[in-house]
Amino acid sequence: MKRILILVLTILTAYASSQTPAPQPSAFPSTTYNFNLNQITLPGAKTSIAGAESDVKIKITQNFALGETTLISGDYTFIGGRGDYVIPQFSKWLQNASPTLNGYQFQLGLTGSIGVTRTPVSAGQSQSHWGQRAGVFLNYSVSGNVGLGLEGQWCNFPGYAHTTYSVAFGPNFHF
């Protein structure tokens, strides 16, 4: 019986040591809350939208998260669903390209959202329209729970602006 037990342990140990090492764990846990939205004017372009943005996202897979997004301004309100896709090759490339940066503390990805834009038309009345946003984001994990994010998105907010952009920079929290 001892020989069988020793044989089984030897096989399991050899199997475990022959496996490839586990990938670097992501610095971004399963839920993210970020809030930011800055008004920025690019040369030769009109001013971007301004207001307060908040997003709450839950990871569905390692590279895909879904959640809600809210933008509030005096001129409009946008409430909708948001999807983020993280491009994992970027983190791997950065990890291999830089001897000083931990690439797994960075996320580069694509984002999109669809929802309802409400714009005021007169005192106490507003109009609702379908609105869309699409763009890119870059997140940096400062620690296990706190990070910084930068994103740029094209926005279609009927009743406010059919084609405009938003640029957001600010903190995000992971839990």
C-alpha atoms as a PDB file:
ATOM      1  CA  MET A   1       0.000   0.000   0.000  1.00  0.00           C
ATOM      2  CA  LYS A   2       2.888   2.369   0.834  1.00  0.00           C
ATOM      3  CA  ARG A   3       4.449   1.726  -2.562  1.00  0.00           C
ATOM      4  CA  ILE A   4       1.206   2.608  -4.367  1.00  0.00           C
ATOM      5  CA  LEU A   5       0.855   5.796  -2.320  1.00  0.00           C
ATOM      6  CA  ILE A   6       4.474   6.770  -3.032  1.00  0.00           C
ATOM      7  CA  LEU A   7       3.986   6.014  -6.735  1.00  0.00           C
ATOM      8  CA  VAL A   8       0.828   8.133  -6.913  1.00  0.00           C
ATOM      9  CA  LEU A   9       2.521  11.056  -5.078  1.00  0.00           C
ATOM     10  CA  THR A  10       5.551  10.812  -7.362  1.00  0.00           C
ATOM     11  CA  ILE A  11       3.364  10.896 -10.481  1.00  0.00           C
ATOM     12  CA  LEU A  12       1.336  13.841  -9.158  1.00  0.00           C
ATOM     13  CA  THR A  13       4.485  15.759  -8.204  1.00  0.00           C
ATOM     14  CA  ALA A  14       6.060  15.129 -11.628  1.00  0.00           C
ATOM     15  CA  TYR A  15       2.830  16.186 -13.354  1.00  0.00           C
ATOM     16  CA  ALA A  16       2.517  19.369 -11.293  1.00  0.00           C
ATOM     17  CA  SER A  17       6.137  20.378 -11.879  1.00  0.00           C
ATOM     18  CA  SER A  18       5.861  19.789 -15.633  1.00  0.00           C
ATOM     19  CA  GLN A  19       2.932  22.186 -16.026  1.00  0.00           C
ATOM     20  CA  THR A  20       3.567  25.654 -17.365  1.00  0.00           C
ATOM     21  CA  PRO A  21       3.653  28.333 -14.705  1.00  0.00           C
ATOM     22  CA  ALA A  22       0.404  30.109 -13.978  1.00  0.00           C
ATOM     23  CA  PRO A  23      -0.012  33.427 -15.775  1.00  0.00           C
ATOM     24  CA  GLN A  24       0.576  36.615 -13.833  1.00  0.00           C
ATOM     25  CA  PRO A  25      -2.609  37.422 -11.916  1.00  0.00           C
ATOM     26  CA  SER A  26      -4.487  40.478 -13.071  1.00  0.00           C
ATOM     27  CA  ALA A  27      -4.162  43.567 -10.913  1.00  0.00           C
ATOM     28  CA  PHE A  28      -7.838  44.248 -11.604  1.00  0.00           C
ATOM     29  CA  PRO A  29     -10.318  42.225  -9.509  1.00  0.00           C
ATOM     30  CA  SER A  30     -13.817  41.407 -10.668  1.00  0.00           C
ATOM     31  CA  THR A  31     -15.723  44.648 -10.018  1.00  0.00           C
ATOM     32  CA  THR A  32     -14.679  48.166 -11.009  1.00  0.00           C
ATOM     33  CA  TYR A  33     -16.194  51.523 -10.106  1.00  0.00           C
ATOM     34  CA  ASN A  34     -14.826  54.606 -11.819  1.00  0.00           C
ATOM     35  CA  PHE A  35     -15.953  58.185 -11.926  1.00  0.00           C
ATOM     36  CA  ASN A  36     -14.548  60.953 -14.067  1.00  0.00           C
ATOM     37  CA  LEU A  37     -15.301  63.181 -17.035  1.00  0.00           C
ATOM     38  CA  ASN A  38     -13.276  66.223 -17.986  1.00  0.00           C
ATOM     39  CA  GLN A  39     -14.086  68.954 -20.445  1.00  0.00           C
ATOM     40  CA  ILE A  40     -11.235  69.155 -22.931  1.00  0.00           C
ATOM     41  CA  THR A  41     -10.870  71.221 -26.084  1.00  0.00           C
ATOM     42  CA  LEU A  42      -8.632  69.782 -28.777  1.00  0.00           C
ATOM     43  CA  PRO A  43      -7.024  72.121 -31.320  1.00  0.00           C
ATOM     44  CA  GLY A  44      -9.346  72.627 -34.269  1.00  0.00           C
ATOM     45  CA  ALA A  45     -12.271  70.863 -32.579  1.00  0.00           C
ATOM     46  CA  LYS A  46     -15.194  71.938 -30.497  1.00  0.00           C
ATOM     47  CA  THR A  47     -15.184  71.422 -26.749  1.00  0.00           C
ATOM     48  CA  SER A  48     -15.838  67.915 -25.477  1.00  0.00           C
ATOM     49  CA  ILE A  49     -18.833  67.142 -23.317  1.00  0.00           C
ATOM     50  CA  ALA A  50     -18.554  67.926 -19.619  1.00  0.00           C
ATOM     51  CA  GLY A  51     -20.267  66.479 -16.605  1.00  0.00           C
ATOM     52  CA  ALA A  52     -19.957  63.692 -14.081  1.00  0.00           C
ATOM     53  CA  GLU A  53     -19.517  60.105 -15.258  1.00  0.00           C
ATOM     54  CA  SER A  54     -19.780  56.972 -13.138  1.00  0.00           C
ATOM     55  CA  ASP A  55     -19.512  53.356 -14.234  1.00  0.00           C
ATOM     56  CA  VAL A  56     -19.968  50.122 -12.318  1.00  0.00           C
ATOM     57  CA  LYS A  57     -18.694  47.050 -14.160  1.00  0.00           C
ATOM     58  CA  ILE A  58     -18.535  43.343 -13.321  1.00  0.00           C
ATOM     59  CA  LYS A  59     -16.154  40.963 -15.095  1.00  0.00           C
ATOM     60  CA  ILE A  60     -17.989  38.327 -17.091  1.00  0.00           C
ATOM     61  CA  THR A  61     -14.757  36.753 -18.338  1.00  0.00           C
ATOM     62  CA  GLN A  62     -11.110  37.617 -17.753  1.00  0.00           C
ATOM     63  CA  ASN A  63     -11.209  40.112 -20.651  1.00  0.00           C
ATOM     64  CA  PHE A  64     -14.840  41.246 -20.809  1.00  0.00           C
ATOM     65  CA  ALA A  65     -16.876  43.315 -18.332  1.00  0.00           C
ATOM     66  CA  LEU A  66     -20.471  44.549 -18.398  1.00  0.00           C
ATOM     67  CA  GLY A  67     -22.116  47.235 -16.322  1.00  0.00           C
ATOM     68  CA  GLU A  68     -23.994  50.492 -16.224  1.00  0.00           C
ATOM     69  CA  THR A  69     -22.811  53.945 -17.128  1.00  0.00           C
ATOM     70  CA  THR A  70     -24.242  57.309 -16.135  1.00  0.00           C
ATOM     71  CA  LEU A  71     -23.305  60.776 -17.387  1.00  0.00           C
ATOM     72  CA  ILE A  72     -24.936  63.790 -15.781  1.00  0.00           C
ATOM     73  CA  SER A  73     -24.657  67.387 -16.942  1.00  0.00           C
ATOM     74  CA  GLY A  74     -26.894  70.430 -16.902  1.00  0.00           C
ATOM     75  CA  ASP A  75     -27.499  69.987 -20.648  1.00  0.00           C
ATOM     76  CA  TYR A  76     -28.191  66.224 -20.787  1.00  0.00           C
ATOM     77  CA  THR A  77     -28.311  62.958 -18.860  1.00  0.00           C
ATOM     78  CA  PHE A  78     -27.152  59.647 -20.345  1.00  0.00           C
ATOM     79  CA  ILE A  79     -27.961  56.357 -18.617  1.00  0.00           C
ATOM     80  CA  GLY A  80     -27.142  53.070 -20.282  1.00  0.00           C
ATOM     81  CA  GLY A  81     -25.332  49.777 -20.381  1.00  0.00           C
ATOM     82  CA  ARG A  82     -21.596  49.530 -20.987  1.00  0.00           C
ATOM     83  CA  GLY A  83     -19.307  46.781 -22.229  1.00  0.00           C
ATOM     84  CA  ASP A  84     -15.505  46.794 -21.910  1.00  0.00           C
ATOM     85  CA  TYR A  85     -13.138  44.431 -23.726  1.00  0.00           C
ATOM     86  CA  VAL A  86      -9.546  44.293 -22.451  1.00  0.00           C
ATOM     87  CA  ILE A  87      -6.896  43.514 -25.068  1.00  0.00           C
ATOM     88  CA  PRO A  88      -4.665  41.063 -23.124  1.00  0.00           C
ATOM     89  CA  GLN A  89      -1.856  41.148 -25.707  1.00  0.00           C
ATOM     90  CA  PHE A  90      -1.082  44.753 -24.684  1.00  0.00           C
ATOM     91  CA  SER A  91      -0.286  43.802 -21.082  1.00  0.00           C
ATOM     92  CA  LYS A  92       1.853  40.879 -22.241  1.00  0.00           C
ATOM     93  CA  TRP A  93       3.671  43.082 -24.749  1.00  0.00           C
ATOM     94  CA  LEU A  94       4.319  45.797 -22.135  1.00  0.00           C
ATOM     95  CA  GLN A  95       5.506  43.183 -19.619  1.00  0.00           C
ATOM     96  CA  ASN A  96       8.040  41.855 -22.151  1.00  0.00           C
ATOM     97  CA  ALA A  97       9.029  45.244 -23.605  1.00  0.00           C
ATOM     98  CA  SER A  98       9.792  47.120 -20.394  1.00  0.00           C
ATOM     99  CA  PRO A  99      12.236  45.973 -17.735  1.00  0.00           C
ATOM    100  CA  THR A 100      10.884  48.547 -15.259  1.00  0.00           C
ATOM    101  CA  LEU A 101       7.083  48.422 -15.726  1.00  0.00           C
ATOM    102  CA  ASN A 102       4.803  45.617 -14.629  1.00  0.00           C
ATOM    103  CA  GLY A 103       2.641  45.185 -17.714  1.00  0.00           C
ATOM    104  CA  TYR A 104      -0.024  43.361 -15.737  1.00  0.00           C
ATOM    105  CA  GLN A 105      -0.837  46.592 -13.905  1.00  0.00           C
ATOM    106  CA  PHE A 106      -2.084  48.091 -17.204  1.00  0.00           C
ATOM    107  CA  GLN A 107      -5.214  47.423 -19.237  1.00  0.00           C
ATOM    108  CA  LEU A 108      -5.845  48.698 -22.749  1.00  0.00           C
ATOM    109  CA  GLY A 109      -9.240  48.030 -24.229  1.00  0.00           C
ATOM    110  CA  LEU A 110     -12.299  48.933 -26.256  1.00  0.00           C
ATOM    111  CA  THR A 111     -15.538  50.184 -24.755  1.00  0.00           C
ATOM    112  CA  GLY A 112     -19.037  50.836 -25.971  1.00  0.00           C
ATOM    113  CA  SER A 113     -22.360  51.770 -24.450  1.00  0.00           C
ATOM    114  CA  ILE A 114     -25.941  52.309 -25.475  1.00  0.00           C
ATOM    115  CA  GLY A 115     -28.652  54.000 -23.478  1.00  0.00           C
ATOM    116  CA  VAL A 116     -31.092  56.851 -23.157  1.00  0.00           C
ATOM    117  CA  THR A 117     -30.151  60.517 -23.456  1.00  0.00           C
ATOM    118  CA  ARG A 118     -32.523  62.964 -21.810  1.00  0.00           C
ATOM    119  CA  THR A 119     -32.275  66.629 -22.757  1.00  0.00           C
ATOM    120  CA  PRO A 120     -34.323  69.496 -21.330  1.00  0.00           C
ATOM    121  CA  VAL A 121     -36.604  71.296 -23.808  1.00  0.00           C
ATOM    122  CA  SER A 122     -38.348  73.659 -21.406  1.00  0.00           C
ATOM    123  CA  ALA A 123     -38.866  74.105 -17.688  1.00  0.00           C
ATOM    124  CA  GLY A 124     -39.908  70.758 -16.242  1.00  0.00           C
ATOM    125  CA  GLN A 125     -39.974  68.957 -19.615  1.00  0.00           C
ATOM    126  CA  SER A 126     -37.375  66.834 -21.361  1.00  0.00           C
ATOM    127  CA  GLN A 127     -37.011  64.644 -24.441  1.00  0.00           C
ATOM    128  CA  SER A 128     -35.595  61.124 -24.482  1.00  0.00           C
ATOM    129  CA  HIS A 129     -33.506  59.690 -27.330  1.00  0.00           C
ATOM    130  CA  TRP A 130     -31.339  56.628 -27.835  1.00  0.00           C
ATOM    131  CA  GLY A 131     -27.663  57.495 -27.461  1.00  0.00           C
ATOM    132  CA  GLN A 132     -24.419  55.641 -28.096  1.00  0.00           C
ATOM    133  CA  ARG A 133     -20.767  55.864 -27.087  1.00  0.00           C
ATOM    134  CA  ALA A 134     -17.689  53.977 -28.326  1.00  0.00           C
ATOM    135  CA  GLY A 135     -13.978  54.366 -27.711  1.00  0.00           C
ATOM    136  CA  VAL A 136     -10.818  53.166 -26.002  1.00  0.00           C
ATOM    137  CA  PHE A 137      -9.553  53.130 -22.423  1.00  0.00           C
ATOM    138  CA  LEU A 138      -6.280  52.662 -20.557  1.00  0.00           C
ATOM    139  CA  ASN A 139      -6.290  51.684 -16.881  1.00  0.00           C
ATOM    140  CA  TYR A 140      -3.365  51.595 -14.456  1.00  0.00           C
ATOM    141  CA  SER A 141      -3.623  49.762 -11.142  1.00  0.00           C
ATOM    142  CA  VAL A 142      -1.831  51.819  -8.484  1.00  0.00           C
ATOM    143  CA  SER A 143      -2.588  49.202  -5.819  1.00  0.00           C
ATOM    144  CA  GLY A 144      -4.922  46.239  -5.468  1.00  0.00           C
ATOM    145  CA  ASN A 145      -7.961  48.471  -4.972  1.00  0.00           C
ATOM    146  CA  VAL A 146      -7.132  51.870  -6.490  1.00  0.00           C
ATOM    147  CA  GLY A 147      -6.258  52.806 -10.030  1.00  0.00           C
ATOM    148  CA  LEU A 148      -6.242  55.577 -12.614  1.00  0.00           C
ATOM    149  CA  GLY A 149      -8.084  55.521 -15.888  1.00  0.00           C
ATOM    150  CA  LEU A 150      -7.945  57.449 -19.152  1.00  0.00           C
ATOM    151  CA  GLU A 151     -10.560  57.036 -21.850  1.00  0.00           C
ATOM    152  CA  GLY A 152     -11.645  58.738 -25.026  1.00  0.00           C
ATOM    153  CA  GLN A 153     -15.016  58.085 -26.619  1.00  0.00           C
ATOM    154  CA  TRP A 154     -17.083  59.224 -29.575  1.00  0.00           C
ATOM    155  CA  CYS A 155     -20.602  60.132 -28.415  1.00  0.00           C
ATOM    156  CA  ASN A 156     -23.944  60.394 -30.191  1.00  0.00           C
ATOM    157  CA  PHE A 157     -26.412  62.197 -27.927  1.00  0.00           C
ATOM    158  CA  PRO A 158     -29.437  63.231 -30.045  1.00  0.00           C
ATOM    159  CA  GLY A 159     -31.020  66.387 -28.725  1.00  0.00           C
ATOM    160  CA  TYR A 160     -27.623  67.529 -27.416  1.00  0.00           C
ATOM    161  CA  ALA A 161     -24.951  66.665 -30.003  1.00  0.00           C
ATOM    162  CA  HIS A 162     -25.046  64.021 -32.733  1.00  0.00           C
ATOM    163  CA  THR A 163     -21.291  63.754 -32.968  1.00  0.00           C
ATOM    164  CA  THR A 164     -19.081  64.835 -30.103  1.00  0.00           C
ATOM    165  CA  TYR A 165     -16.400  63.275 -27.947  1.00  0.00           C
ATOM    166  CA  SER A 166     -15.661  62.750 -24.295  1.00  0.00           C
ATOM    167  CA  VAL A 167     -12.316  62.467 -22.549  1.00  0.00           C
ATOM    168  CA  ALA A 168     -12.206  61.092 -19.036  1.00  0.00           C
ATOM    169  CA  PHE A 169      -9.308  60.882 -16.589  1.00  0.00           C
ATOM    170  CA  GLY A 170      -9.630  59.969 -12.975  1.00  0.00           C
ATOM    171  CA  PRO A 171      -9.602  57.333 -10.255  1.00  0.00           C
ATOM    172  CA  ASN A 172     -11.206  53.924 -10.296  1.00  0.00           C
ATOM    173  CA  PHE A 173     -11.751  51.443  -7.498  1.00  0.00           C
ATOM    174  CA  HIS A 174     -11.532  47.660  -7.798  1.00  0.00           C
ATOM    175  CA  PHE A 175     -13.123  45.213  -5.397  1.00  0.00           C
END
